[in-house]
Amino acid sequence: MFNYLKTNRNIITQFIKRETISRYKGSYLGFMWTILTPLFMLLVYTFVFSEIFKAKWGTGSTNKLEFAIIIFCGLTTFNIFGEVLSRAPFLILGNSNYVKKVVFPLEVFSIVSVGTALVTATINFSLVIIFSGFIFKTLHWTILLLPIMILPLLVFTLGISWLFSSLGVFLRDIGQMIAIVVQALSLLSPIFYSVEVIPSQFKWFYNLNPLTYYIENIRGIMLWGKIPSLAEFATESIVALVVCLIGLVVFRKTKHAFADVL
């Protein structure tokens, strides 16, 4: 797989650039929207949760921005997975020309999808670092662990993308089902609330949800300087690798039939 990435690195880089630029093509502000959009959403979260819901995270702080930045950090983590999963069923369908007419490494599309989501997340995490320094008056050294902590999430998401991009060719209803699943997961993952407030009878579900660990661990190292246990990180990494390998095997076993179906 590393050799595959190395061999196709130029294709991957060019496609990520194209995908990122095409989102804002024709707009006056262009790439600036990647910064303005999360800033605007951060202001909306601050207003809604601090002024309307009067919500607090339980840290004892009265800072209105604190709750918003905690949510924003969790949502940024989730959006890496949610954005890629939402696009997965349509990756091959939307690039049928590469399937039918050209000998092309089709696995690249999922890698590009993850890379594009990572570009957006990098900008959002940068804003989290800036605002958390302003709000908490300190930056924890554990922020340096972010690239390591985010790696299992990227690997897990890549495997999910390969799996559903291949299934989406044969089962067209998956696209609609995934849209519902992503919305449900955004509410069933600890983004807008802490795991501490989850009733005990439902905690088994959150323990089975891999996104719970990714969100909590990334939020912990960025905002509170908490280092997850080595055993927990190892478990996350093993699960991510297994899911990635399953997704890759399914994709490569089915991709030879893509042209016939399309």
C-alpha atoms as a PDB file:
ATOM      1  CA  MET A   1       0.000   0.000   0.000  1.00  0.00           C
ATOM      2  CA  PHE A   2       2.879   2.368   0.754  1.00  0.00           C
ATOM      3  CA  ASN A   3       4.374   1.574  -2.640  1.00  0.00           C
ATOM      4  CA  TYR A   4       0.965   2.208  -4.204  1.00  0.00           C
ATOM      5  CA  LEU A   5       0.780   5.645  -2.561  1.00  0.00           C
ATOM      6  CA  LYS A   6       4.326   6.444  -3.632  1.00  0.00           C
ATOM      7  CA  THR A   7       3.714   5.374  -7.229  1.00  0.00           C
ATOM      8  CA  ASN A   8       0.505   7.400  -7.534  1.00  0.00           C
ATOM      9  CA  ARG A   9       1.472  10.371  -5.363  1.00  0.00           C
ATOM     10  CA  ASN A  10       1.401  12.835  -8.272  1.00  0.00           C
ATOM     11  CA  ILE A  11      -2.091  11.743  -9.328  1.00  0.00           C
ATOM     12  CA  ILE A  12      -3.319  11.917  -5.732  1.00  0.00           C
ATOM     13  CA  THR A  13      -1.825  15.383  -5.182  1.00  0.00           C
ATOM     14  CA  GLN A  14      -3.277  16.784  -8.408  1.00  0.00           C
ATOM     15  CA  PHE A  15      -6.733  15.360  -7.726  1.00  0.00           C
ATOM     16  CA  ILE A  16      -6.770  16.748  -4.167  1.00  0.00           C
ATOM     17  CA  LYS A  17      -5.827  20.195  -5.528  1.00  0.00           C
ATOM     18  CA  ARG A  18      -8.511  19.939  -8.190  1.00  0.00           C
ATOM     19  CA  GLU A  19     -11.176  18.829  -5.715  1.00  0.00           C
ATOM     20  CA  THR A  20     -10.300  21.599  -3.249  1.00  0.00           C
ATOM     21  CA  ILE A  21     -10.189  24.350  -5.867  1.00  0.00           C
ATOM     22  CA  SER A  22     -13.343  23.202  -7.683  1.00  0.00           C
ATOM     23  CA  ARG A  23     -15.423  23.683  -4.521  1.00  0.00           C
ATOM     24  CA  TYR A  24     -14.940  27.440  -4.739  1.00  0.00           C
ATOM     25  CA  LYS A  25     -14.388  27.850  -8.461  1.00  0.00           C
ATOM     26  CA  GLY A  26     -16.124  30.965  -9.784  1.00  0.00           C
ATOM     27  CA  SER A  27     -16.599  32.577  -6.365  1.00  0.00           C
ATOM     28  CA  TYR A  28     -15.040  35.968  -5.654  1.00  0.00           C
ATOM     29  CA  LEU A  29     -13.363  34.949  -2.406  1.00  0.00           C
ATOM     30  CA  GLY A  30     -12.215  31.538  -3.654  1.00  0.00           C
ATOM     31  CA  PHE A  31     -10.100  29.580  -1.176  1.00  0.00           C
ATOM     32  CA  MET A  32     -10.847  32.148   1.557  1.00  0.00           C
ATOM     33  CA  TRP A  33     -14.176  30.385   2.027  1.00  0.00           C
ATOM     34  CA  THR A  34     -12.328  27.471   3.650  1.00  0.00           C
ATOM     35  CA  ILE A  35     -11.494  29.859   6.504  1.00  0.00           C
ATOM     36  CA  LEU A  36     -14.620  32.030   6.498  1.00  0.00           C
ATOM     37  CA  THR A  37     -17.055  29.085   6.595  1.00  0.00           C
ATOM     38  CA  PRO A  38     -15.728  27.504   9.830  1.00  0.00           C
ATOM     39  CA  LEU A  39     -15.396  30.960  11.411  1.00  0.00           C
ATOM     40  CA  PHE A  40     -19.027  31.691  10.632  1.00  0.00           C
ATOM     41  CA  MET A  41     -20.122  28.299  11.974  1.00  0.00           C
ATOM     42  CA  LEU A  42     -18.128  28.893  15.156  1.00  0.00           C
ATOM     43  CA  LEU A  43     -20.010  32.166  15.685  1.00  0.00           C
ATOM     44  CA  VAL A  44     -23.326  30.381  15.100  1.00  0.00           C
ATOM     45  CA  TYR A  45     -22.467  27.649  17.622  1.00  0.00           C
ATOM     46  CA  THR A  46     -21.439  30.277  20.157  1.00  0.00           C
ATOM     47  CA  PHE A  47     -24.730  32.145  19.800  1.00  0.00           C
ATOM     48  CA  VAL A  48     -27.040  29.098  19.728  1.00  0.00           C
ATOM     49  CA  PHE A  49     -25.520  27.114  22.576  1.00  0.00           C
ATOM     50  CA  SER A  50     -24.554  29.997  24.866  1.00  0.00           C
ATOM     51  CA  GLU A  51     -27.451  32.422  24.336  1.00  0.00           C
ATOM     52  CA  ILE A  52     -30.386  30.162  23.433  1.00  0.00           C
ATOM     53  CA  PHE A  53     -29.648  26.817  25.105  1.00  0.00           C
ATOM     54  CA  LYS A  54     -27.506  28.330  27.883  1.00  0.00           C
ATOM     55  CA  ALA A  55     -25.451  25.154  27.607  1.00  0.00           C
ATOM     56  CA  LYS A  56     -22.257  24.440  29.533  1.00  0.00           C
ATOM     57  CA  TRP A  57     -19.831  21.538  29.243  1.00  0.00           C
ATOM     58  CA  GLY A  58     -19.296  21.109  32.964  1.00  0.00           C
ATOM     59  CA  THR A  59     -15.857  22.692  33.136  1.00  0.00           C
ATOM     60  CA  GLY A  60     -17.079  25.448  35.459  1.00  0.00           C
ATOM     61  CA  SER A  61     -16.247  28.185  32.972  1.00  0.00           C
ATOM     62  CA  THR A  62     -18.697  30.945  32.006  1.00  0.00           C
ATOM     63  CA  ASN A  63     -16.863  31.793  28.783  1.00  0.00           C
ATOM     64  CA  LYS A  64     -19.400  31.628  25.956  1.00  0.00           C
ATOM     65  CA  LEU A  65     -16.791  30.656  23.398  1.00  0.00           C
ATOM     66  CA  GLU A  66     -15.584  27.667  25.420  1.00  0.00           C
ATOM     67  CA  PHE A  67     -18.624  25.490  24.745  1.00  0.00           C
ATOM     68  CA  ALA A  68     -18.559  26.452  21.072  1.00  0.00           C
ATOM     69  CA  ILE A  69     -14.890  25.548  20.599  1.00  0.00           C
ATOM     70  CA  ILE A  70     -15.392  22.197  22.365  1.00  0.00           C
ATOM     71  CA  ILE A  71     -18.236  21.371  19.980  1.00  0.00           C
ATOM     72  CA  PHE A  72     -16.329  22.698  16.989  1.00  0.00           C
ATOM     73  CA  CYS A  73     -13.345  20.475  17.778  1.00  0.00           C
ATOM     74  CA  GLY A  74     -15.559  17.382  18.008  1.00  0.00           C
ATOM     75  CA  LEU A  75     -17.483  18.311  14.880  1.00  0.00           C
ATOM     76  CA  THR A  76     -14.281  18.853  12.893  1.00  0.00           C
ATOM     77  CA  THR A  77     -13.141  15.359  13.862  1.00  0.00           C
ATOM     78  CA  PHE A  78     -16.488  13.846  12.919  1.00  0.00           C
ATOM     79  CA  ASN A  79     -16.668  15.728   9.615  1.00  0.00           C
ATOM     80  CA  ILE A  80     -13.549  13.971   8.333  1.00  0.00           C
ATOM     81  CA  PHE A  81     -15.471  10.713   8.553  1.00  0.00           C
ATOM     82  CA  GLY A  82     -18.898  12.139   7.701  1.00  0.00           C
ATOM     83  CA  GLU A  83     -17.774  13.987   4.579  1.00  0.00           C
ATOM     84  CA  VAL A  84     -15.909  10.993   3.164  1.00  0.00           C
ATOM     85  CA  LEU A  85     -18.720   8.547   3.978  1.00  0.00           C
ATOM     86  CA  SER A  86     -21.328  10.803   2.354  1.00  0.00           C
ATOM     87  CA  ARG A  87     -19.326  10.927  -0.874  1.00  0.00           C
ATOM     88  CA  ALA A  88     -18.255   7.280  -0.931  1.00  0.00           C
ATOM     89  CA  PRO A  89     -21.277   5.715  -2.738  1.00  0.00           C
ATOM     90  CA  PHE A  90     -20.918   8.217  -5.595  1.00  0.00           C
ATOM     91  CA  LEU A  91     -17.142   8.152  -6.098  1.00  0.00           C
ATOM     92  CA  ILE A  92     -17.095   5.518  -8.831  1.00  0.00           C
ATOM     93  CA  LEU A  93     -20.480   6.505 -10.246  1.00  0.00           C
ATOM     94  CA  GLY A  94     -19.319  10.095 -10.622  1.00  0.00           C
ATOM     95  CA  ASN A  95     -16.073   9.091 -12.334  1.00  0.00           C
ATOM     96  CA  SER A  96     -17.415   6.462 -14.724  1.00  0.00           C
ATOM     97  CA  ASN A  97     -15.224   7.737 -17.592  1.00  0.00           C
ATOM     98  CA  TYR A  98     -12.129   6.588 -15.729  1.00  0.00           C
ATOM     99  CA  VAL A  99     -13.707   3.163 -15.295  1.00  0.00           C
ATOM    100  CA  LYS A 100     -14.862   2.629 -18.878  1.00  0.00           C
ATOM    101  CA  LYS A 101     -12.230   4.214 -21.081  1.00  0.00           C
ATOM    102  CA  VAL A 102      -8.952   4.544 -19.217  1.00  0.00           C
ATOM    103  CA  VAL A 103      -6.692   2.171 -17.310  1.00  0.00           C
ATOM    104  CA  PHE A 104      -6.748   4.098 -14.062  1.00  0.00           C
ATOM    105  CA  PRO A 105      -5.945   3.214 -10.409  1.00  0.00           C
ATOM    106  CA  LEU A 106      -9.498   3.461  -9.110  1.00  0.00           C
ATOM    107  CA  GLU A 107      -8.402   3.125  -5.480  1.00  0.00           C
ATOM    108  CA  VAL A 108      -7.116   6.693  -5.802  1.00  0.00           C
ATOM    109  CA  PHE A 109     -10.603   8.220  -5.598  1.00  0.00           C
ATOM    110  CA  SER A 110     -11.086   7.193  -1.967  1.00  0.00           C
ATOM    111  CA  ILE A 111      -7.600   8.399  -1.055  1.00  0.00           C
ATOM    112  CA  VAL A 112      -8.345  11.751  -2.717  1.00  0.00           C
ATOM    113  CA  SER A 113     -11.649  11.970  -0.839  1.00  0.00           C
ATOM    114  CA  VAL A 114      -9.861  11.463   2.492  1.00  0.00           C
ATOM    115  CA  GLY A 115      -7.112  13.908   1.494  1.00  0.00           C
ATOM    116  CA  THR A 116      -9.619  16.606   0.558  1.00  0.00           C
ATOM    117  CA  ALA A 117     -11.445  16.184   3.868  1.00  0.00           C
ATOM    118  CA  LEU A 118      -8.093  16.407   5.651  1.00  0.00           C
ATOM    119  CA  VAL A 119      -7.312  19.763   3.980  1.00  0.00           C
ATOM    120  CA  THR A 120     -10.540  21.228   5.374  1.00  0.00           C
ATOM    121  CA  ALA A 121      -9.954  19.630   8.776  1.00  0.00           C
ATOM    122  CA  THR A 122      -6.417  21.051   8.939  1.00  0.00           C
ATOM    123  CA  ILE A 123      -7.784  24.575   8.553  1.00  0.00           C
ATOM    124  CA  ASN A 124     -10.501  23.936  11.137  1.00  0.00           C
ATOM    125  CA  PHE A 125      -8.054  22.416  13.627  1.00  0.00           C
ATOM    126  CA  SER A 126      -5.807  25.454  13.145  1.00  0.00           C
ATOM    127  CA  LEU A 127      -8.741  27.646  14.194  1.00  0.00           C
ATOM    128  CA  VAL A 128      -9.331  25.369  17.198  1.00  0.00           C
ATOM    129  CA  ILE A 129      -5.700  25.868  18.274  1.00  0.00           C
ATOM    130  CA  ILE A 130      -5.909  29.652  17.855  1.00  0.00           C
ATOM    131  CA  PHE A 131      -9.193  30.048  19.727  1.00  0.00           C
ATOM    132  CA  SER A 132      -8.346  27.520  22.437  1.00  0.00           C
ATOM    133  CA  GLY A 133      -5.171  29.503  23.158  1.00  0.00           C
ATOM    134  CA  PHE A 134      -7.298  32.620  23.460  1.00  0.00           C
ATOM    135  CA  ILE A 135      -9.998  30.978  25.596  1.00  0.00           C
ATOM    136  CA  PHE A 136      -7.965  28.700  27.867  1.00  0.00           C
ATOM    137  CA  LYS A 137      -4.974  31.089  28.008  1.00  0.00           C
ATOM    138  CA  THR A 138      -2.627  28.193  27.323  1.00  0.00           C
ATOM    139  CA  LEU A 139      -1.737  25.644  24.685  1.00  0.00           C
ATOM    140  CA  HIS A 140      -0.944  22.088  25.726  1.00  0.00           C
ATOM    141  CA  TRP A 141       2.081  20.343  24.251  1.00  0.00           C
ATOM    142  CA  THR A 142      -0.183  17.381  23.515  1.00  0.00           C
ATOM    143  CA  ILE A 143      -1.407  19.280  20.442  1.00  0.00           C
ATOM    144  CA  LEU A 144       1.776  17.977  18.808  1.00  0.00           C
ATOM    145  CA  LEU A 145       0.260  14.491  19.043  1.00  0.00           C
ATOM    146  CA  LEU A 146      -2.583  15.438  16.691  1.00  0.00           C
ATOM    147  CA  PRO A 147      -0.983  13.951  13.523  1.00  0.00           C
ATOM    148  CA  ILE A 148      -0.444  10.656  15.370  1.00  0.00           C
ATOM    149  CA  MET A 149      -3.924  10.581  16.916  1.00  0.00           C
ATOM    150  CA  ILE A 150      -5.656  11.437  13.650  1.00  0.00           C
ATOM    151  CA  LEU A 151      -3.879   8.727  11.652  1.00  0.00           C
ATOM    152  CA  PRO A 152      -6.102   5.806  12.810  1.00  0.00           C
ATOM    153  CA  LEU A 153      -9.177   7.896  11.944  1.00  0.00           C
ATOM    154  CA  LEU A 154      -7.846   8.484   8.413  1.00  0.00           C
ATOM    155  CA  VAL A 155      -7.047   4.801   7.942  1.00  0.00           C
ATOM    156  CA  PHE A 156     -10.467   3.758   9.283  1.00  0.00           C
ATOM    157  CA  THR A 157     -12.232   6.310   7.067  1.00  0.00           C
ATOM    158  CA  LEU A 158     -10.273   5.202   4.006  1.00  0.00           C
ATOM    159  CA  GLY A 159     -11.376   1.601   4.515  1.00  0.00           C
ATOM    160  CA  ILE A 160     -15.004   2.668   4.905  1.00  0.00           C
ATOM    161  CA  SER A 161     -14.742   4.730   1.715  1.00  0.00           C
ATOM    162  CA  TRP A 162     -13.353   1.802  -0.313  1.00  0.00           C
ATOM    163  CA  LEU A 163     -16.087  -0.463   1.017  1.00  0.00           C
ATOM    164  CA  PHE A 164     -19.049   1.804   0.255  1.00  0.00           C
ATOM    165  CA  SER A 165     -17.679   3.191  -3.004  1.00  0.00           C
ATOM    166  CA  SER A 166     -17.624  -0.349  -4.363  1.00  0.00           C
ATOM    167  CA  LEU A 167     -21.040  -1.271  -2.925  1.00  0.00           C
ATOM    168  CA  GLY A 168     -22.494   1.968  -4.292  1.00  0.00           C
ATOM    169  CA  VAL A 169     -21.889   0.752  -7.843  1.00  0.00           C
ATOM    170  CA  PHE A 170     -24.094  -2.304  -7.366  1.00  0.00           C
ATOM    171  CA  LEU A 171     -26.607  -1.000  -4.804  1.00  0.00           C
ATOM    172  CA  ARG A 172     -27.730   2.509  -5.764  1.00  0.00           C
ATOM    173  CA  ASP A 173     -29.940   2.883  -2.680  1.00  0.00           C
ATOM    174  CA  ILE A 174     -26.861   2.962  -0.453  1.00  0.00           C
ATOM    175  CA  GLY A 175     -26.337   6.658  -1.239  1.00  0.00           C
ATOM    176  CA  GLN A 176     -29.686   7.587   0.304  1.00  0.00           C
ATOM    177  CA  MET A 177     -29.156   5.257   3.250  1.00  0.00           C
ATOM    178  CA  ILE A 178     -25.728   6.724   3.977  1.00  0.00           C
ATOM    179  CA  ALA A 179     -27.157  10.258   4.141  1.00  0.00           C
ATOM    180  CA  ILE A 180     -29.478   9.125   6.940  1.00  0.00           C
ATOM    181  CA  VAL A 181     -26.688   7.206   8.701  1.00  0.00           C
ATOM    182  CA  VAL A 182     -24.353  10.236   8.696  1.00  0.00           C
ATOM    183  CA  GLN A 183     -27.045  12.459  10.219  1.00  0.00           C
ATOM    184  CA  ALA A 184     -27.835   9.843  12.838  1.00  0.00           C
ATOM    185  CA  LEU A 185     -24.171   9.320  13.723  1.00  0.00           C
ATOM    186  CA  SER A 186     -23.661  13.075  14.155  1.00  0.00           C
ATOM    187  CA  LEU A 187     -26.241  12.966  16.954  1.00  0.00           C
ATOM    188  CA  LEU A 188     -25.251   9.564  18.339  1.00  0.00           C
ATOM    189  CA  SER A 189     -21.586  10.541  18.712  1.00  0.00           C
ATOM    190  CA  PRO A 190     -20.390  12.741  21.617  1.00  0.00           C
ATOM    191  CA  ILE A 191     -20.098  15.942  19.589  1.00  0.00           C
ATOM    192  CA  PHE A 192     -22.680  18.205  21.210  1.00  0.00           C
ATOM    193  CA  TYR A 193     -22.472  16.595  24.635  1.00  0.00           C
ATOM    194  CA  SER A 194     -19.950  14.882  26.865  1.00  0.00           C
ATOM    195  CA  VAL A 195     -19.780  11.117  27.332  1.00  0.00           C
ATOM    196  CA  GLU A 196     -20.227  11.808  31.038  1.00  0.00           C
ATOM    197  CA  VAL A 197     -23.904  12.690  30.547  1.00  0.00           C
ATOM    198  CA  ILE A 198     -24.776   9.537  28.599  1.00  0.00           C
ATOM    199  CA  PRO A 199     -27.140   7.282  30.609  1.00  0.00           C
ATOM    200  CA  SER A 200     -25.445   4.093  31.746  1.00  0.00           C
ATOM    201  CA  GLN A 201     -27.887   1.840  29.860  1.00  0.00           C
ATOM    202  CA  PHE A 202     -26.794   3.366  26.542  1.00  0.00           C
ATOM    203  CA  LYS A 203     -23.052   3.537  27.108  1.00  0.00           C
ATOM    204  CA  TRP A 204     -22.532   0.132  25.496  1.00  0.00           C
ATOM    205  CA  PHE A 205     -23.527   1.663  22.169  1.00  0.00           C
ATOM    206  CA  TYR A 206     -21.055   4.507  22.522  1.00  0.00           C
ATOM    207  CA  ASN A 207     -18.354   2.035  23.481  1.00  0.00           C
ATOM    208  CA  LEU A 208     -19.010   0.186  20.211  1.00  0.00           C
ATOM    209  CA  ASN A 209     -18.949   3.402  18.181  1.00  0.00           C
ATOM    210  CA  PRO A 210     -15.336   3.968  16.995  1.00  0.00           C
ATOM    211  CA  LEU A 211     -16.052   7.659  16.440  1.00  0.00           C
ATOM    212  CA  THR A 212     -16.513   8.092  20.189  1.00  0.00           C
ATOM    213  CA  TYR A 213     -12.841   7.298  20.793  1.00  0.00           C
ATOM    214  CA  TYR A 214     -11.579   9.456  17.939  1.00  0.00           C
ATOM    215  CA  ILE A 215     -13.647  12.468  18.993  1.00  0.00           C
ATOM    216  CA  GLU A 216     -12.874  12.183  22.702  1.00  0.00           C
ATOM    217  CA  ASN A 217      -9.156  11.545  22.255  1.00  0.00           C
ATOM    218  CA  ILE A 218      -8.561  14.330  19.736  1.00  0.00           C
ATOM    219  CA  ARG A 219     -10.625  16.739  21.819  1.00  0.00           C
ATOM    220  CA  GLY A 220      -8.675  15.692  24.913  1.00  0.00           C
ATOM    221  CA  ILE A 221      -5.193  16.286  23.474  1.00  0.00           C
ATOM    222  CA  MET A 222      -6.154  19.594  21.864  1.00  0.00           C
ATOM    223  CA  LEU A 223      -8.148  21.267  24.624  1.00  0.00           C
ATOM    224  CA  TRP A 224      -7.264  19.636  27.924  1.00  0.00           C
ATOM    225  CA  GLY A 225      -3.834  18.085  27.488  1.00  0.00           C
ATOM    226  CA  LYS A 226      -5.080  14.544  28.104  1.00  0.00           C
ATOM    227  CA  ILE A 227      -3.030  11.697  26.690  1.00  0.00           C
ATOM    228  CA  PRO A 228      -5.065   8.571  25.854  1.00  0.00           C
ATOM    229  CA  SER A 229      -3.811   5.261  27.128  1.00  0.00           C
ATOM    230  CA  LEU A 230      -1.457   3.286  24.922  1.00  0.00           C
ATOM    231  CA  ALA A 231      -3.809   0.293  25.027  1.00  0.00           C
ATOM    232  CA  GLU A 232      -6.720   2.405  23.794  1.00  0.00           C
ATOM    233  CA  PHE A 233      -4.661   3.895  20.985  1.00  0.00           C
ATOM    234  CA  ALA A 234      -3.399   0.437  19.979  1.00  0.00           C
ATOM    235  CA  THR A 235      -6.975  -0.884  19.890  1.00  0.00           C
ATOM    236  CA  GLU A 236      -8.066   2.051  17.710  1.00  0.00           C
ATOM    237  CA  SER A 237      -5.154   1.452  15.345  1.00  0.00           C
ATOM    238  CA  ILE A 238      -5.820  -2.292  15.029  1.00  0.00           C
ATOM    239  CA  VAL A 239      -9.534  -1.740  14.351  1.00  0.00           C
ATOM    240  CA  ALA A 240      -8.671   0.934  11.770  1.00  0.00           C
ATOM    241  CA  LEU A 241      -6.209  -1.354   9.987  1.00  0.00           C
ATOM    242  CA  VAL A 242      -8.644  -4.269   9.918  1.00  0.00           C
ATOM    243  CA  VAL A 243     -11.443  -2.083   8.513  1.00  0.00           C
ATOM    244  CA  CYS A 244      -9.049  -0.589   5.953  1.00  0.00           C
ATOM    245  CA  LEU A 245      -7.885  -4.011   4.770  1.00  0.00           C
ATOM    246  CA  ILE A 246     -11.457  -5.299   4.518  1.00  0.00           C
ATOM    247  CA  GLY A 247     -12.462  -2.250   2.494  1.00  0.00           C
ATOM    248  CA  LEU A 248      -9.470  -2.607   0.171  1.00  0.00           C
ATOM    249  CA  VAL A 249     -10.037  -6.328  -0.387  1.00  0.00           C
ATOM    250  CA  VAL A 250     -13.736  -5.813  -1.177  1.00  0.00           C
ATOM    251  CA  PHE A 251     -12.911  -2.951  -3.549  1.00  0.00           C
ATOM    252  CA  ARG A 252     -10.263  -4.890  -5.448  1.00  0.00           C
ATOM    253  CA  LYS A 253     -12.449  -8.010  -5.648  1.00  0.00           C
ATOM    254  CA  THR A 254     -15.347  -6.060  -7.141  1.00  0.00           C
ATOM    255  CA  LYS A 255     -13.697  -3.345  -9.264  1.00  0.00           C
ATOM    256  CA  HIS A 256     -13.336  -5.669 -12.272  1.00  0.00           C
ATOM    257  CA  ALA A 257     -17.130  -5.684 -12.577  1.00  0.00           C
ATOM    258  CA  PHE A 258     -17.530  -1.894 -12.371  1.00  0.00           C
ATOM    259  CA  ALA A 259     -17.350  -1.340 -16.133  1.00  0.00           C
ATOM    260  CA  ASP A 260     -20.006  -3.978 -16.841  1.00  0.00           C
ATOM    261  CA  VAL A 261     -22.434  -2.474 -14.312  1.00  0.00           C
ATOM    262  CA  LEU A 262     -21.827   1.131 -15.342  1.00  0.00           C
END
